[in-house]
N, C-alpha and C. Protein backbone atom coordinates (compact mmCIF):
# COMPACT_ATOMS: atom_id res chain seq x y z
N UNK A 1 52.83 105.67 -42.91
CA UNK A 1 54.28 105.78 -42.98
C UNK A 1 54.84 104.56 -43.66
N UNK A 2 55.81 104.78 -44.45
CA UNK A 2 56.49 103.69 -45.14
C UNK A 2 57.84 103.44 -44.45
N UNK A 3 57.97 102.26 -43.93
CA UNK A 3 59.22 101.90 -43.28
C UNK A 3 60.00 100.98 -44.23
N UNK A 4 61.30 101.26 -44.30
CA UNK A 4 62.14 100.40 -45.14
C UNK A 4 63.05 99.59 -44.23
N UNK A 5 63.24 98.35 -44.57
CA UNK A 5 64.09 97.46 -43.78
C UNK A 5 65.45 97.37 -44.48
N UNK A 6 66.50 97.64 -43.71
CA UNK A 6 67.86 97.51 -44.22
C UNK A 6 68.52 96.35 -43.50
N UNK A 7 69.15 95.53 -44.26
CA UNK A 7 69.84 94.38 -43.69
C UNK A 7 71.31 94.66 -43.58
N UNK A 8 71.86 94.41 -42.39
CA UNK A 8 73.30 94.63 -42.18
C UNK A 8 74.00 93.32 -42.47
N UNK A 9 74.97 93.32 -43.35
CA UNK A 9 75.66 92.06 -43.64
C UNK A 9 76.49 91.54 -42.45
N UNK A 10 76.70 90.28 -42.44
CA UNK A 10 77.41 89.64 -41.34
C UNK A 10 78.89 90.06 -41.23
N UNK A 11 79.48 90.49 -42.34
CA UNK A 11 80.90 90.84 -42.33
C UNK A 11 81.15 92.35 -42.32
N UNK A 12 80.23 93.13 -41.78
CA UNK A 12 80.41 94.58 -41.79
C UNK A 12 81.53 95.05 -40.87
N UNK A 13 81.93 94.25 -39.90
CA UNK A 13 83.03 94.64 -39.01
C UNK A 13 84.37 94.07 -39.43
N UNK A 14 84.42 93.41 -40.57
CA UNK A 14 85.65 92.74 -40.99
C UNK A 14 86.57 93.67 -41.79
N UNK A 15 86.21 94.92 -41.97
CA UNK A 15 87.09 95.82 -42.76
C UNK A 15 88.37 96.07 -42.01
N UNK A 16 89.49 95.96 -42.69
CA UNK A 16 90.79 96.20 -42.10
C UNK A 16 91.29 95.06 -41.26
N UNK A 17 90.78 93.87 -41.51
CA UNK A 17 91.23 92.70 -40.74
C UNK A 17 91.66 91.58 -41.68
N UNK A 18 92.54 90.75 -41.18
CA UNK A 18 93.02 89.58 -41.93
C UNK A 18 92.22 88.39 -41.40
N UNK A 19 91.65 87.63 -42.29
CA UNK A 19 90.81 86.47 -41.97
C UNK A 19 89.62 86.84 -41.10
N UNK A 20 89.27 88.12 -41.04
CA UNK A 20 88.15 88.57 -40.26
C UNK A 20 88.40 88.61 -38.77
N UNK A 21 89.60 88.30 -38.32
CA UNK A 21 89.92 88.20 -36.89
C UNK A 21 90.99 89.19 -36.48
N UNK A 22 92.12 89.18 -37.18
CA UNK A 22 93.27 89.94 -36.73
C UNK A 22 93.40 91.25 -37.50
N UNK A 23 93.68 92.32 -36.76
CA UNK A 23 93.90 93.60 -37.41
C UNK A 23 95.23 93.58 -38.14
N UNK A 24 95.35 94.40 -39.16
CA UNK A 24 96.59 94.45 -39.96
C UNK A 24 97.76 94.92 -39.11
N UNK A 25 97.52 95.88 -38.24
CA UNK A 25 98.62 96.38 -37.39
C UNK A 25 99.14 95.27 -36.47
N UNK A 26 98.22 94.48 -35.91
CA UNK A 26 98.64 93.39 -35.03
C UNK A 26 99.43 92.34 -35.78
N UNK A 27 99.01 92.07 -37.04
CA UNK A 27 99.74 91.10 -37.86
C UNK A 27 101.16 91.60 -38.16
N UNK A 28 101.29 92.84 -38.49
CA UNK A 28 102.64 93.39 -38.77
C UNK A 28 103.50 93.34 -37.52
N UNK A 29 102.94 93.64 -36.36
CA UNK A 29 103.71 93.59 -35.12
C UNK A 29 104.11 92.16 -34.80
N UNK A 30 103.25 91.20 -35.07
CA UNK A 30 103.58 89.80 -34.84
C UNK A 30 104.73 89.35 -35.74
N UNK A 31 104.71 89.80 -36.99
CA UNK A 31 105.80 89.44 -37.91
C UNK A 31 107.10 90.11 -37.48
N UNK A 32 107.03 91.40 -37.11
CA UNK A 32 108.24 92.10 -36.68
C UNK A 32 108.81 91.52 -35.38
N UNK A 33 107.95 91.05 -34.51
CA UNK A 33 108.43 90.42 -33.27
C UNK A 33 108.88 88.97 -33.50
N UNK A 34 108.19 88.26 -34.38
CA UNK A 34 108.43 86.83 -34.53
C UNK A 34 109.61 86.46 -35.40
N UNK A 35 109.84 87.17 -36.50
CA UNK A 35 110.93 86.79 -37.42
C UNK A 35 112.31 86.85 -36.75
N UNK A 36 112.67 87.95 -36.08
CA UNK A 36 113.98 87.94 -35.43
C UNK A 36 114.06 86.89 -34.32
N UNK A 37 112.97 86.68 -33.60
CA UNK A 37 112.93 85.66 -32.56
C UNK A 37 113.13 84.27 -33.17
N UNK A 38 112.49 84.02 -34.28
CA UNK A 38 112.60 82.73 -34.94
C UNK A 38 114.04 82.47 -35.41
N UNK A 39 114.59 83.41 -36.15
CA UNK A 39 115.95 83.22 -36.65
C UNK A 39 116.99 83.23 -35.57
N UNK A 40 116.76 84.03 -34.52
CA UNK A 40 117.72 84.06 -33.40
C UNK A 40 117.75 82.71 -32.66
N UNK A 41 116.60 82.13 -32.45
CA UNK A 41 116.55 80.85 -31.77
C UNK A 41 117.19 79.76 -32.62
N UNK A 42 116.86 79.74 -33.90
CA UNK A 42 117.42 78.69 -34.75
C UNK A 42 118.93 78.84 -34.96
N UNK A 43 119.43 80.06 -34.94
CA UNK A 43 120.84 80.27 -35.19
C UNK A 43 121.71 80.09 -33.95
N UNK A 44 121.22 80.45 -32.76
CA UNK A 44 122.10 80.48 -31.60
C UNK A 44 121.85 79.39 -30.56
N UNK A 45 120.82 78.60 -30.70
CA UNK A 45 120.64 77.52 -29.72
C UNK A 45 121.62 76.37 -30.03
N UNK A 46 122.30 75.86 -29.01
CA UNK A 46 123.32 74.83 -29.26
C UNK A 46 122.76 73.40 -29.15
N UNK A 47 121.63 73.15 -29.82
CA UNK A 47 121.02 71.82 -29.74
C UNK A 47 120.95 71.22 -31.13
N UNK A 48 120.48 69.97 -31.21
CA UNK A 48 120.24 69.34 -32.50
C UNK A 48 119.04 70.00 -33.13
N UNK A 49 118.85 69.73 -34.44
CA UNK A 49 117.81 70.44 -35.19
C UNK A 49 116.42 70.20 -34.61
N UNK A 50 116.09 68.99 -34.27
CA UNK A 50 114.77 68.70 -33.74
C UNK A 50 114.53 69.46 -32.42
N UNK A 51 115.47 69.49 -31.58
CA UNK A 51 115.35 70.22 -30.30
C UNK A 51 115.24 71.71 -30.53
N UNK A 52 116.04 72.22 -31.50
CA UNK A 52 115.97 73.64 -31.83
C UNK A 52 114.58 74.02 -32.30
N UNK A 53 114.00 73.19 -33.15
CA UNK A 53 112.65 73.50 -33.68
C UNK A 53 111.62 73.45 -32.55
N UNK A 54 111.71 72.51 -31.68
CA UNK A 54 110.75 72.41 -30.56
C UNK A 54 110.88 73.59 -29.61
N UNK A 55 112.09 73.94 -29.23
CA UNK A 55 112.32 75.08 -28.33
C UNK A 55 111.87 76.39 -29.00
N UNK A 56 112.18 76.53 -30.30
CA UNK A 56 111.80 77.74 -31.03
C UNK A 56 110.31 77.86 -31.09
N UNK A 57 109.58 76.79 -31.33
CA UNK A 57 108.11 76.86 -31.39
C UNK A 57 107.51 77.13 -30.05
N UNK A 58 108.12 76.63 -28.96
CA UNK A 58 107.64 76.92 -27.62
C UNK A 58 107.78 78.39 -27.32
N UNK A 59 108.80 79.02 -27.83
CA UNK A 59 109.00 80.46 -27.60
C UNK A 59 108.24 81.31 -28.62
N UNK A 60 108.28 80.90 -29.90
CA UNK A 60 107.75 81.70 -30.98
C UNK A 60 106.22 81.78 -31.00
N UNK A 61 105.55 80.67 -30.85
CA UNK A 61 104.07 80.64 -30.99
C UNK A 61 103.38 81.49 -29.93
N UNK A 62 103.74 81.44 -28.64
CA UNK A 62 103.08 82.33 -27.67
C UNK A 62 103.39 83.79 -27.90
N UNK A 63 104.64 84.09 -28.29
CA UNK A 63 104.99 85.49 -28.50
C UNK A 63 104.25 86.09 -29.72
N UNK A 64 104.22 85.33 -30.80
CA UNK A 64 103.49 85.82 -32.00
C UNK A 64 101.99 85.86 -31.75
N UNK A 65 101.46 84.87 -31.05
CA UNK A 65 100.04 84.87 -30.73
C UNK A 65 99.65 86.02 -29.82
N UNK A 66 100.50 86.32 -28.87
CA UNK A 66 100.23 87.46 -27.97
C UNK A 66 100.25 88.76 -28.77
N UNK A 67 101.18 88.90 -29.72
CA UNK A 67 101.23 90.12 -30.56
C UNK A 67 100.03 90.18 -31.48
N UNK A 68 99.55 89.06 -32.00
CA UNK A 68 98.36 89.05 -32.86
C UNK A 68 97.10 89.47 -32.13
N UNK A 69 96.94 88.99 -30.93
CA UNK A 69 95.70 89.27 -30.19
C UNK A 69 95.74 90.68 -29.62
N UNK A 70 96.84 91.10 -29.06
CA UNK A 70 96.94 92.42 -28.46
C UNK A 70 96.43 92.42 -27.02
N UNK A 71 96.35 93.61 -26.46
CA UNK A 71 95.91 93.77 -25.07
C UNK A 71 94.78 94.78 -25.03
N UNK A 72 93.66 94.40 -24.41
CA UNK A 72 92.51 95.28 -24.29
C UNK A 72 92.06 95.92 -25.60
N UNK A 73 92.04 95.13 -26.64
CA UNK A 73 91.58 95.58 -27.95
C UNK A 73 92.53 96.62 -28.58
N UNK A 74 93.76 96.67 -28.14
CA UNK A 74 94.78 97.53 -28.72
C UNK A 74 95.92 96.65 -29.19
N UNK A 75 96.70 97.21 -30.09
CA UNK A 75 97.90 96.48 -30.51
C UNK A 75 98.94 96.54 -29.40
N UNK A 76 99.92 95.71 -29.51
CA UNK A 76 100.95 95.62 -28.47
C UNK A 76 101.75 96.90 -28.35
N UNK A 77 102.12 97.51 -29.46
CA UNK A 77 102.91 98.76 -29.41
C UNK A 77 102.07 99.90 -28.87
N UNK A 78 100.81 99.98 -29.24
CA UNK A 78 99.92 101.03 -28.71
C UNK A 78 99.75 100.89 -27.20
N UNK A 79 99.60 99.67 -26.73
CA UNK A 79 99.47 99.43 -25.32
C UNK A 79 100.77 99.82 -24.58
N UNK A 80 101.91 99.43 -25.14
CA UNK A 80 103.18 99.79 -24.47
C UNK A 80 103.42 101.27 -24.47
N UNK A 81 103.04 101.96 -25.56
CA UNK A 81 103.18 103.42 -25.60
C UNK A 81 102.25 104.08 -24.57
N UNK A 82 101.04 103.60 -24.43
CA UNK A 82 100.08 104.14 -23.46
C UNK A 82 100.59 103.88 -22.05
N UNK A 83 101.12 102.71 -21.80
CA UNK A 83 101.64 102.34 -20.49
C UNK A 83 102.84 103.21 -20.13
N UNK A 84 103.74 103.41 -21.08
CA UNK A 84 104.90 104.27 -20.86
C UNK A 84 104.49 105.70 -20.57
N UNK A 85 103.52 106.20 -21.32
CA UNK A 85 103.02 107.55 -21.10
C UNK A 85 102.37 107.70 -19.73
N UNK A 86 101.65 106.68 -19.30
CA UNK A 86 101.01 106.71 -17.99
C UNK A 86 102.04 106.72 -16.87
N UNK A 87 103.08 105.89 -17.00
CA UNK A 87 104.07 105.84 -15.94
C UNK A 87 104.89 107.13 -15.87
N UNK A 88 105.01 107.84 -16.99
CA UNK A 88 105.75 109.10 -16.97
C UNK A 88 104.89 110.24 -16.42
N UNK A 89 103.59 110.27 -16.73
CA UNK A 89 102.75 111.41 -16.36
C UNK A 89 101.81 111.17 -15.20
N UNK A 90 101.42 109.94 -14.98
CA UNK A 90 100.48 109.56 -13.92
C UNK A 90 99.16 110.35 -14.02
N UNK A 91 98.54 110.31 -15.20
CA UNK A 91 97.26 110.97 -15.40
C UNK A 91 96.29 109.99 -16.05
N UNK A 92 95.06 110.45 -16.20
CA UNK A 92 94.07 109.62 -16.90
C UNK A 92 94.38 109.71 -18.39
N UNK A 93 94.57 108.57 -19.02
CA UNK A 93 94.95 108.55 -20.43
C UNK A 93 93.75 108.44 -21.34
N UNK A 94 92.84 107.56 -21.03
CA UNK A 94 91.65 107.42 -21.85
C UNK A 94 90.45 107.49 -20.94
N UNK A 95 89.49 108.29 -21.32
CA UNK A 95 88.27 108.47 -20.52
C UNK A 95 87.11 108.50 -21.46
N UNK A 96 86.21 107.52 -21.31
CA UNK A 96 85.06 107.44 -22.19
C UNK A 96 83.82 107.75 -21.38
N UNK A 97 83.60 108.99 -21.09
CA UNK A 97 82.42 109.37 -20.29
C UNK A 97 82.14 110.84 -20.46
N UNK A 98 81.44 111.38 -19.50
CA UNK A 98 81.05 112.77 -19.57
C UNK A 98 82.19 113.68 -19.15
N UNK A 99 82.43 114.73 -19.88
CA UNK A 99 83.47 115.68 -19.59
C UNK A 99 82.85 117.02 -19.32
N UNK A 100 83.14 117.60 -18.17
CA UNK A 100 82.60 118.93 -17.85
C UNK A 100 83.40 119.99 -18.54
N UNK A 101 82.84 121.18 -18.60
CA UNK A 101 83.44 122.29 -19.34
C UNK A 101 84.84 122.64 -18.81
N UNK A 102 84.95 122.80 -17.50
CA UNK A 102 86.24 123.25 -16.92
C UNK A 102 86.96 122.12 -16.21
N UNK A 103 86.77 120.93 -16.65
CA UNK A 103 87.30 119.77 -15.94
C UNK A 103 88.83 119.75 -15.83
N UNK A 104 89.49 120.32 -16.79
CA UNK A 104 90.95 120.21 -16.82
C UNK A 104 91.64 121.42 -16.16
N UNK A 105 90.88 122.32 -15.63
CA UNK A 105 91.48 123.44 -14.91
C UNK A 105 91.83 123.02 -13.49
N UNK A 106 92.89 123.57 -12.97
CA UNK A 106 93.35 123.19 -11.65
C UNK A 106 92.32 123.54 -10.55
N UNK A 107 91.62 124.65 -10.69
CA UNK A 107 90.64 125.03 -9.66
C UNK A 107 89.50 124.04 -9.63
N UNK A 108 89.06 123.58 -10.79
CA UNK A 108 87.97 122.60 -10.83
C UNK A 108 88.41 121.30 -10.15
N UNK A 109 89.61 120.86 -10.44
CA UNK A 109 90.11 119.63 -9.85
C UNK A 109 90.21 119.78 -8.32
N UNK A 110 90.69 120.94 -7.86
CA UNK A 110 90.81 121.17 -6.44
C UNK A 110 89.42 121.21 -5.81
N UNK A 111 88.46 121.89 -6.41
CA UNK A 111 87.09 121.93 -5.87
C UNK A 111 86.48 120.56 -5.84
N UNK A 112 86.73 119.78 -6.86
CA UNK A 112 86.14 118.46 -6.94
C UNK A 112 86.71 117.55 -5.85
N UNK A 113 88.01 117.64 -5.58
CA UNK A 113 88.61 116.85 -4.52
C UNK A 113 88.13 117.23 -3.13
N UNK A 114 87.98 118.56 -2.93
CA UNK A 114 87.58 119.02 -1.60
C UNK A 114 86.07 118.99 -1.42
N UNK A 115 85.30 118.85 -2.49
CA UNK A 115 83.86 118.80 -2.39
C UNK A 115 83.27 120.18 -2.12
N UNK A 116 83.95 121.24 -2.53
CA UNK A 116 83.51 122.61 -2.28
C UNK A 116 82.28 122.93 -3.11
N UNK A 117 82.26 122.55 -4.37
CA UNK A 117 81.24 122.95 -5.26
C UNK A 117 80.55 121.68 -5.82
N UNK A 118 79.25 121.69 -5.90
CA UNK A 118 78.53 120.57 -6.47
C UNK A 118 78.24 120.86 -7.93
N UNK A 119 78.57 119.91 -8.79
CA UNK A 119 78.34 120.07 -10.25
C UNK A 119 77.20 119.16 -10.66
N UNK A 120 76.38 119.64 -11.56
CA UNK A 120 75.26 118.86 -12.06
C UNK A 120 75.63 118.04 -13.25
C-alpha cells in the first residue's frame, strides 16, 4: 500500500478572521458598539480633555474588547438573540448530541419524563 502524507498548514483555521484571532462579525459589532460610545463620551462628559480621554478609554476599551471576543464562541448579537429566544420560549436551543426519531413529539417527551418506555 502506498500512503501519502498531507501536511496541514498552521493557518488553516484563520479563514474569515482578522489578524487570525477575531472574526469579522465580532469586529463589526465592536465598531458599531464602540464608535457611538466613543463620540458620546467625548461630547457629553463635562470634564477637561485629559479626563474625558481617560474616562472614555476606561469605558470604551472593555466594551469593545468584550464585543471582539464574544461569549461562548459566538458573537455578542448572536448570544443576545439566543438568550432572548430562550427567555421567551424556555426550550433547548442548541443540542449537540444524539437525537431520537420521535424526540420532539409530545408523547415521547411525556414517556421520557415518566420513564414509561425505555429507548435504546
